[in-house]
């Protein structure tokens, strides 16, 4: 997810932001972290793997959305639940709010630790836009001392590939324009 965060900083909603948490919300939930504009991996390379914390129950959050019986039949099931929630269908709204709360709980733990300026919600759920970011913001306001800004990714499924391109470009730039690093 660090590559997706790097892409958002390069071409997405995190342009110019140094402290970013990228939340991949889809079939799998996970996070990537940028600190001072650089991907932070941690001692074991597991920084951002908050989705594995059983206490958060992120593993089941997405599955709960799949249990919804939609009023509409267009689009994939996750987008239908967000559409129906937007249209005032109570069962859908409750599922979306629970999903947003689950997301916000994990984000709050990260936000209280690294104090990011921005949280980017990416992955398939990012297509829901304000339908996911608004309830996450609302829950973060209750959970965090200083809630970060929350935006949906506009890069979609291309974010990881774009981040890898950016990482490669940064590596080449470092080697070309910093002679000391090329010698090592």
Protein backbone atom coordinates (compact mmCIF):
# COMPACT_ATOMS: atom_id res chain seq x y z
CA UNK A 1 0.00 0.00 0.00
CA UNK A 2 3.03 2.24 0.31
CA UNK A 3 3.25 2.42 -3.49
CA UNK A 4 -0.38 3.58 -3.67
CA UNK A 5 0.37 6.29 -1.10
CA UNK A 6 3.36 7.39 -3.16
CA UNK A 7 1.17 7.58 -6.28
CA UNK A 8 -1.39 9.71 -4.46
CA UNK A 9 1.35 12.11 -3.43
CA UNK A 10 2.69 12.24 -6.98
CA UNK A 11 -0.51 12.38 -9.08
CA UNK A 12 -3.47 12.18 -6.72
CA UNK A 13 -5.24 13.90 -3.86
CA UNK A 14 -2.13 13.91 -1.65
CA UNK A 15 -0.03 16.16 -3.93
CA UNK A 16 2.33 18.18 -1.77
CA UNK A 17 1.32 16.44 1.48
CA UNK A 18 4.20 14.95 3.49
CA UNK A 19 2.36 12.87 6.11
CA UNK A 20 -0.21 10.57 4.48
CA UNK A 21 -2.03 7.39 5.41
CA UNK A 22 -3.44 5.49 2.45
CA UNK A 23 -6.22 3.05 3.30
CA UNK A 24 -6.87 0.34 0.75
CA UNK A 25 -10.54 -0.52 1.20
CA UNK A 26 -11.84 -3.35 -0.88
CA UNK A 27 -11.78 -7.14 -0.68
CA UNK A 28 -8.79 -6.63 1.59
CA UNK A 29 -8.23 -3.75 3.99
CA UNK A 30 -4.73 -2.44 4.63
CA UNK A 31 -2.74 0.76 4.86
CA UNK A 32 0.36 2.45 3.58
CA UNK A 33 2.18 5.30 5.27
CA UNK A 34 4.20 8.26 3.98
CA UNK A 35 6.26 10.21 6.47
CA UNK A 36 8.09 13.29 5.21
CA UNK A 37 6.94 12.31 1.73
CA UNK A 38 8.63 8.90 1.80
CA UNK A 39 7.09 5.46 2.20
CA UNK A 40 7.57 4.25 5.75
CA UNK A 41 7.98 0.51 6.07
CA UNK A 42 9.07 0.11 9.67
CA UNK A 43 11.61 -2.26 11.19
CA UNK A 44 10.08 -5.45 9.74
CA UNK A 45 8.46 -3.89 6.69
CA UNK A 46 5.02 -4.22 8.26
CA UNK A 47 4.16 -0.56 8.91
CA UNK A 48 0.56 0.00 7.90
CA UNK A 49 -0.49 -3.63 8.29
CA UNK A 50 -3.14 -2.52 10.75
CA UNK A 51 -5.70 -4.58 8.88
CA UNK A 52 -4.22 -7.70 10.49
CA UNK A 53 -5.11 -6.46 13.99
CA UNK A 54 -7.93 -8.85 14.92
CA UNK A 55 -9.38 -6.33 17.38
CA UNK A 56 -10.41 -4.09 14.46
CA UNK A 57 -12.25 -6.89 12.64
CA UNK A 58 -11.30 -5.37 9.28
CA UNK A 59 -11.26 -8.88 7.88
CA UNK A 60 -15.06 -9.07 8.22
CA UNK A 61 -15.91 -5.43 7.50
CA UNK A 62 -16.03 -5.84 3.74
CA UNK A 63 -17.82 -9.19 4.00
CA UNK A 64 -20.63 -7.55 5.96
CA UNK A 65 -21.28 -5.27 2.97
CA UNK A 66 -21.67 -8.40 0.86
CA UNK A 67 -24.52 -9.67 3.01
CA UNK A 68 -26.69 -6.77 1.90
CA UNK A 69 -29.67 -7.54 -0.32
CA UNK A 70 -29.77 -4.54 -2.64
CA UNK A 71 -32.81 -2.63 -3.79
CA UNK A 72 -31.02 -1.99 -7.08
CA UNK A 73 -29.33 -4.48 -9.40
CA UNK A 74 -26.79 -2.33 -11.24
CA UNK A 75 -23.07 -2.28 -10.43
CA UNK A 76 -21.16 -4.47 -8.00
CA UNK A 77 -22.57 -5.27 -4.59
CA UNK A 78 -20.35 -2.87 -2.67
CA UNK A 79 -21.36 0.08 -4.83
CA UNK A 80 -25.04 -0.93 -4.61
CA UNK A 81 -24.98 -0.73 -0.83
CA UNK A 82 -23.48 2.79 -1.02
CA UNK A 83 -26.04 3.84 -3.65
CA UNK A 84 -28.91 2.48 -1.60
CA UNK A 85 -27.57 4.15 1.55
CA UNK A 86 -27.44 7.44 -0.34
CA UNK A 87 -31.05 6.84 -1.44
CA UNK A 88 -32.16 6.51 2.19
CA UNK A 89 -32.51 2.74 2.53
CA UNK A 90 -31.98 2.15 6.21
CA UNK A 91 -30.40 -1.33 6.07
CA UNK A 92 -27.82 -0.06 3.55
CA UNK A 93 -27.15 3.09 5.57
CA UNK A 94 -26.52 1.01 8.71
CA UNK A 95 -24.05 -1.25 6.88
CA UNK A 96 -22.21 1.72 5.38
CA UNK A 97 -22.03 3.43 8.76
CA UNK A 98 -20.68 0.26 10.41
CA UNK A 99 -18.09 -0.15 7.64
CA UNK A 100 -17.09 3.53 8.02
CA UNK A 101 -16.82 3.11 11.79
CA UNK A 102 -14.60 0.04 11.40
CA UNK A 103 -12.41 1.95 8.95
CA UNK A 104 -12.29 5.02 11.19
CA UNK A 105 -11.28 2.97 14.22
CA UNK A 106 -8.17 1.68 12.45
CA UNK A 107 -7.45 5.07 10.93
CA UNK A 108 -7.78 6.69 14.37
CA UNK A 109 -5.14 4.36 15.81
CA UNK A 110 -2.79 5.34 13.00
CA UNK A 111 -3.72 9.03 13.16
CA UNK A 112 -3.07 9.20 16.88
CA UNK A 113 0.33 7.59 16.29
CA UNK A 114 1.73 9.46 13.28
CA UNK A 115 -0.59 12.50 13.02
CA UNK A 116 -1.04 12.53 9.22
CA UNK A 117 -2.32 15.61 7.43
CA UNK A 118 -4.36 13.42 5.08
CA UNK A 119 -5.97 10.00 4.91
CA UNK A 120 -6.69 8.74 1.41
CA UNK A 121 -9.33 6.05 1.02
CA UNK A 122 -8.38 3.96 -2.00
CA UNK A 123 -9.19 0.58 -3.45
CA UNK A 124 -12.57 -0.37 -4.86
CA UNK A 125 -14.51 1.39 -2.12
CA UNK A 126 -12.99 4.74 -3.14
CA UNK A 127 -15.47 4.80 -6.02
CA UNK A 128 -18.15 5.56 -3.41
CA UNK A 129 -16.51 8.97 -2.89
CA UNK A 130 -18.27 11.11 -0.29
CA UNK A 131 -20.56 8.21 0.58
CA UNK A 132 -17.57 6.64 2.38
CA UNK A 133 -15.40 9.65 3.24
CA UNK A 134 -18.17 11.61 4.98
CA UNK A 135 -19.04 8.91 7.57
CA UNK A 136 -15.34 8.14 8.11
CA UNK A 137 -14.74 11.87 8.81
CA UNK A 138 -17.72 11.95 11.17
CA UNK A 139 -16.43 8.95 13.16
CA UNK A 140 -12.86 10.29 13.22
CA UNK A 141 -14.16 13.53 14.75
CA UNK A 142 -15.33 11.45 17.73
CA UNK A 143 -12.22 9.25 17.89
CA UNK A 144 -9.26 11.60 17.29
CA UNK A 145 -7.81 14.55 19.09
CA UNK A 146 -6.90 16.09 15.72
CA UNK A 147 -8.85 14.32 12.97
CA UNK A 148 -6.98 14.29 9.66
CA UNK A 149 -8.51 15.36 6.37
CA UNK A 150 -10.06 12.37 4.55
CA UNK A 151 -10.35 12.16 0.75
CA UNK A 152 -11.24 9.42 -1.71
CA UNK A 153 -8.58 8.41 -4.22
CA UNK A 154 -9.13 9.48 -7.80
CA UNK A 155 -6.45 7.10 -9.07
CA UNK A 156 -8.48 3.94 -8.60
CA UNK A 157 -6.92 0.60 -9.33
CA UNK A 158 -3.94 2.24 -11.04
CA UNK A 159 -2.53 3.63 -7.80
CA UNK A 160 -0.13 0.80 -6.95
CA UNK A 161 1.29 0.67 -10.51
CA UNK A 162 1.65 4.46 -10.61
CA UNK A 163 3.38 4.36 -7.23
CA UNK A 164 5.84 1.76 -8.50
CA UNK A 165 6.60 3.98 -11.50
CA UNK A 166 7.15 6.92 -9.15
CA UNK A 167 9.45 4.87 -6.92
CA UNK A 168 11.49 3.81 -9.95
CA UNK A 169 11.73 7.42 -11.16
CA UNK A 170 12.85 8.57 -7.72
CA UNK A 171 15.52 5.87 -7.68
CA UNK A 172 16.79 6.90 -11.13
CA UNK A 173 16.76 10.59 -10.18
CA UNK A 174 18.72 9.81 -7.03
CA UNK A 175 21.32 7.84 -8.99
CA UNK A 176 21.61 10.45 -11.77
CA UNK A 177 21.57 13.63 -9.74
CA UNK A 178 23.29 12.56 -6.53
CA UNK A 179 26.77 11.36 -7.51
CA UNK A 180 27.57 10.24 -3.96
CA UNK A 181 24.74 7.67 -4.03
CA UNK A 182 25.81 6.35 -7.47
CA UNK A 183 29.31 5.59 -6.15
CA UNK A 184 27.96 3.50 -3.21
